[in-house]
Amino acid sequence: MKANYDFSKAERGKFFRPNIKLNIPIYLDDKSFAFVDGIAKKKKKDISYIVNHIIKSDMHLIEAMK
């Protein structure tokens, strides 16, 4: 690393995009992954679809308990 960097020509926010949607990776432990992967293979669906479906089901259960 250099001792000093010249930021005199820098432009603040040059790469900032206010409406960007980020897909954040989610890492499952081995047991959870095997469970979800098994369901996905049986239903011939993507793992992301199954995980989202499980989360949405849990959201509905939590809302019903309120």
N, C-alpha and C. Protein backbone atom coordinates (compact mmCIF):
# COMPACT_ATOMS: atom_id res chain seq x y z
N MET A 1 0.83 -1.19 0.00
CA MET A 1 0.00 0.00 0.00
C MET A 1 0.87 1.24 0.00
N LYS A 2 0.37 2.25 -0.67
CA LYS A 2 1.07 3.52 -0.68
C LYS A 2 0.87 4.23 0.66
N ALA A 3 1.77 5.11 0.98
CA ALA A 3 1.64 5.91 2.20
C ALA A 3 0.54 6.95 2.04
N ASN A 4 0.39 7.50 0.84
CA ASN A 4 -0.62 8.53 0.58
C ASN A 4 -1.29 8.26 -0.77
N TYR A 5 -2.54 8.62 -0.86
CA TYR A 5 -3.30 8.51 -2.10
C TYR A 5 -3.86 9.88 -2.46
N ASP A 6 -3.92 10.18 -3.76
CA ASP A 6 -4.42 11.46 -4.23
C ASP A 6 -5.88 11.33 -4.64
N PHE A 7 -6.77 11.92 -3.87
CA PHE A 7 -8.20 11.89 -4.16
C PHE A 7 -8.70 13.23 -4.69
N SER A 8 -7.78 14.11 -5.14
CA SER A 8 -8.16 15.45 -5.58
C SER A 8 -9.06 15.42 -6.83
N LYS A 9 -8.97 14.38 -7.64
CA LYS A 9 -9.79 14.29 -8.85
C LYS A 9 -10.94 13.28 -8.67
N ALA A 10 -11.16 12.87 -7.46
CA ALA A 10 -12.22 11.88 -7.19
C ALA A 10 -13.60 12.51 -7.33
N GLU A 11 -14.56 11.70 -7.64
CA GLU A 11 -15.93 12.17 -7.80
C GLU A 11 -16.82 11.40 -6.81
N ARG A 12 -17.40 12.11 -5.86
CA ARG A 12 -18.24 11.48 -4.85
C ARG A 12 -19.50 10.91 -5.49
N GLY A 13 -19.82 9.66 -5.15
CA GLY A 13 -21.05 9.03 -5.62
C GLY A 13 -21.03 8.61 -7.07
N LYS A 14 -19.86 8.51 -7.68
CA LYS A 14 -19.76 8.19 -9.10
C LYS A 14 -20.44 6.86 -9.44
N PHE A 15 -20.34 5.88 -8.57
CA PHE A 15 -20.89 4.55 -8.84
C PHE A 15 -22.16 4.27 -8.04
N PHE A 16 -22.65 5.25 -7.28
CA PHE A 16 -23.86 5.07 -6.47
C PHE A 16 -25.09 4.99 -7.37
N ARG A 17 -25.92 3.99 -7.14
CA ARG A 17 -27.18 3.84 -7.86
C ARG A 17 -28.29 3.68 -6.83
N PRO A 18 -29.15 4.68 -6.68
CA PRO A 18 -30.14 4.67 -5.59
C PRO A 18 -31.20 3.58 -5.70
N ASN A 19 -31.52 3.14 -6.89
CA ASN A 19 -32.61 2.18 -7.07
C ASN A 19 -32.13 0.77 -7.39
N ILE A 20 -30.89 0.48 -7.10
CA ILE A 20 -30.34 -0.83 -7.43
C ILE A 20 -30.88 -1.89 -6.46
N LYS A 21 -31.15 -3.06 -6.98
CA LYS A 21 -31.61 -4.18 -6.16
C LYS A 21 -30.46 -5.17 -6.05
N LEU A 22 -30.07 -5.48 -4.83
CA LEU A 22 -28.98 -6.41 -4.61
C LEU A 22 -29.53 -7.77 -4.24
N ASN A 23 -29.00 -8.81 -4.82
CA ASN A 23 -29.32 -10.17 -4.42
C ASN A 23 -28.20 -10.65 -3.51
N ILE A 24 -28.53 -10.71 -2.24
CA ILE A 24 -27.53 -11.07 -1.24
C ILE A 24 -27.48 -12.59 -1.12
N PRO A 25 -26.29 -13.19 -1.20
CA PRO A 25 -26.21 -14.64 -1.07
C PRO A 25 -26.53 -15.09 0.35
N ILE A 26 -27.24 -16.18 0.45
CA ILE A 26 -27.57 -16.78 1.74
C ILE A 26 -26.86 -18.13 1.80
N TYR A 27 -26.15 -18.38 2.87
CA TYR A 27 -25.41 -19.63 3.02
C TYR A 27 -26.10 -20.51 4.05
N LEU A 28 -26.46 -21.72 3.64
CA LEU A 28 -27.13 -22.67 4.51
C LEU A 28 -26.11 -23.66 5.05
N ASP A 29 -26.35 -24.14 6.28
CA ASP A 29 -25.48 -25.19 6.78
C ASP A 29 -25.80 -26.48 6.03
N ASP A 30 -24.99 -27.49 6.20
CA ASP A 30 -25.12 -28.72 5.41
C ASP A 30 -26.47 -29.40 5.59
N LYS A 31 -26.95 -29.47 6.83
CA LYS A 31 -28.21 -30.14 7.11
C LYS A 31 -29.39 -29.39 6.47
N SER A 32 -29.40 -28.07 6.60
CA SER A 32 -30.47 -27.25 6.02
C SER A 32 -30.44 -27.33 4.50
N PHE A 33 -29.25 -27.28 3.93
CA PHE A 33 -29.13 -27.36 2.48
C PHE A 33 -29.63 -28.70 1.96
N ALA A 34 -29.27 -29.78 2.64
CA ALA A 34 -29.72 -31.11 2.21
C ALA A 34 -31.24 -31.21 2.26
N PHE A 35 -31.84 -30.63 3.30
CA PHE A 35 -33.30 -30.64 3.44
C PHE A 35 -33.96 -29.90 2.28
N VAL A 36 -33.51 -28.68 2.03
CA VAL A 36 -34.09 -27.85 0.98
C VAL A 36 -33.79 -28.44 -0.40
N ASP A 37 -32.60 -28.94 -0.58
CA ASP A 37 -32.22 -29.54 -1.86
C ASP A 37 -33.09 -30.77 -2.17
N GLY A 38 -33.39 -31.56 -1.15
CA GLY A 38 -34.24 -32.72 -1.34
C GLY A 38 -35.64 -32.33 -1.80
N ILE A 39 -36.20 -31.31 -1.18
CA ILE A 39 -37.53 -30.83 -1.57
C ILE A 39 -37.48 -30.28 -3.00
N ALA A 40 -36.45 -29.51 -3.31
CA ALA A 40 -36.32 -28.91 -4.64
C ALA A 40 -36.23 -29.99 -5.72
N LYS A 41 -35.49 -31.04 -5.47
CA LYS A 41 -35.36 -32.11 -6.46
C LYS A 41 -36.68 -32.85 -6.64
N LYS A 42 -37.39 -33.10 -5.53
CA LYS A 42 -38.68 -33.80 -5.63
C LYS A 42 -39.70 -32.98 -6.43
N LYS A 43 -39.71 -31.68 -6.20
CA LYS A 43 -40.68 -30.81 -6.87
C LYS A 43 -40.16 -30.26 -8.20
N LYS A 44 -38.91 -30.58 -8.52
CA LYS A 44 -38.26 -30.10 -9.75
C LYS A 44 -38.32 -28.57 -9.83
N LYS A 45 -37.94 -27.95 -8.72
CA LYS A 45 -37.90 -26.48 -8.61
C LYS A 45 -36.51 -26.05 -8.21
N ASP A 46 -36.24 -24.77 -8.35
CA ASP A 46 -34.97 -24.19 -7.94
C ASP A 46 -34.94 -24.07 -6.41
N ILE A 47 -33.76 -24.19 -5.84
CA ILE A 47 -33.61 -24.09 -4.38
C ILE A 47 -34.10 -22.73 -3.88
N SER A 48 -33.84 -21.67 -4.62
CA SER A 48 -34.30 -20.33 -4.22
C SER A 48 -35.81 -20.28 -4.12
N TYR A 49 -36.50 -20.93 -5.04
CA TYR A 49 -37.96 -20.97 -5.00
C TYR A 49 -38.45 -21.64 -3.72
N ILE A 50 -37.83 -22.76 -3.36
CA ILE A 50 -38.24 -23.50 -2.17
C ILE A 50 -37.97 -22.69 -0.91
N VAL A 51 -36.80 -22.09 -0.81
CA VAL A 51 -36.46 -21.29 0.38
C VAL A 51 -37.42 -20.11 0.51
N ASN A 52 -37.71 -19.43 -0.59
CA ASN A 52 -38.66 -18.31 -0.53
C ASN A 52 -40.05 -18.78 -0.12
N HIS A 53 -40.45 -19.94 -0.61
CA HIS A 53 -41.76 -20.49 -0.25
C HIS A 53 -41.83 -20.81 1.25
N ILE A 54 -40.77 -21.39 1.80
CA ILE A 54 -40.71 -21.71 3.23
C ILE A 54 -40.77 -20.42 4.05
N ILE A 55 -40.02 -19.42 3.65
CA ILE A 55 -40.01 -18.15 4.40
C ILE A 55 -41.38 -17.49 4.34
N LYS A 56 -42.01 -17.48 3.17
CA LYS A 56 -43.34 -16.88 3.06
C LYS A 56 -44.36 -17.62 3.90
N SER A 57 -44.25 -18.95 3.96
CA SER A 57 -45.15 -19.73 4.80
C SER A 57 -44.97 -19.36 6.27
N ASP A 58 -43.72 -19.22 6.68
CA ASP A 58 -43.44 -18.82 8.06
C ASP A 58 -43.96 -17.41 8.35
N MET A 59 -43.86 -16.53 7.37
CA MET A 59 -44.37 -15.16 7.56
C MET A 59 -45.87 -15.20 7.79
N HIS A 60 -46.58 -16.03 7.03
CA HIS A 60 -48.04 -16.13 7.20
C HIS A 60 -48.39 -16.71 8.57
N LEU A 61 -47.62 -17.70 9.03
CA LEU A 61 -47.87 -18.28 10.36
C LEU A 61 -47.65 -17.25 11.46
N ILE A 62 -46.59 -16.50 11.34
CA ILE A 62 -46.28 -15.48 12.36
C ILE A 62 -47.34 -14.41 12.38
N GLU A 63 -47.81 -13.96 11.22
CA GLU A 63 -48.87 -12.97 11.14
C GLU A 63 -50.15 -13.51 11.76
N ALA A 64 -50.45 -14.77 11.54
CA ALA A 64 -51.68 -15.37 12.09
C ALA A 64 -51.62 -15.47 13.61
N MET A 65 -50.43 -15.61 14.16
CA MET A 65 -50.28 -15.74 15.61
C MET A 65 -50.39 -14.40 16.33
N LYS A 66 -50.29 -13.31 15.63
CA LYS A 66 -50.34 -11.98 16.28
C LYS A 66 -51.69 -11.66 16.82
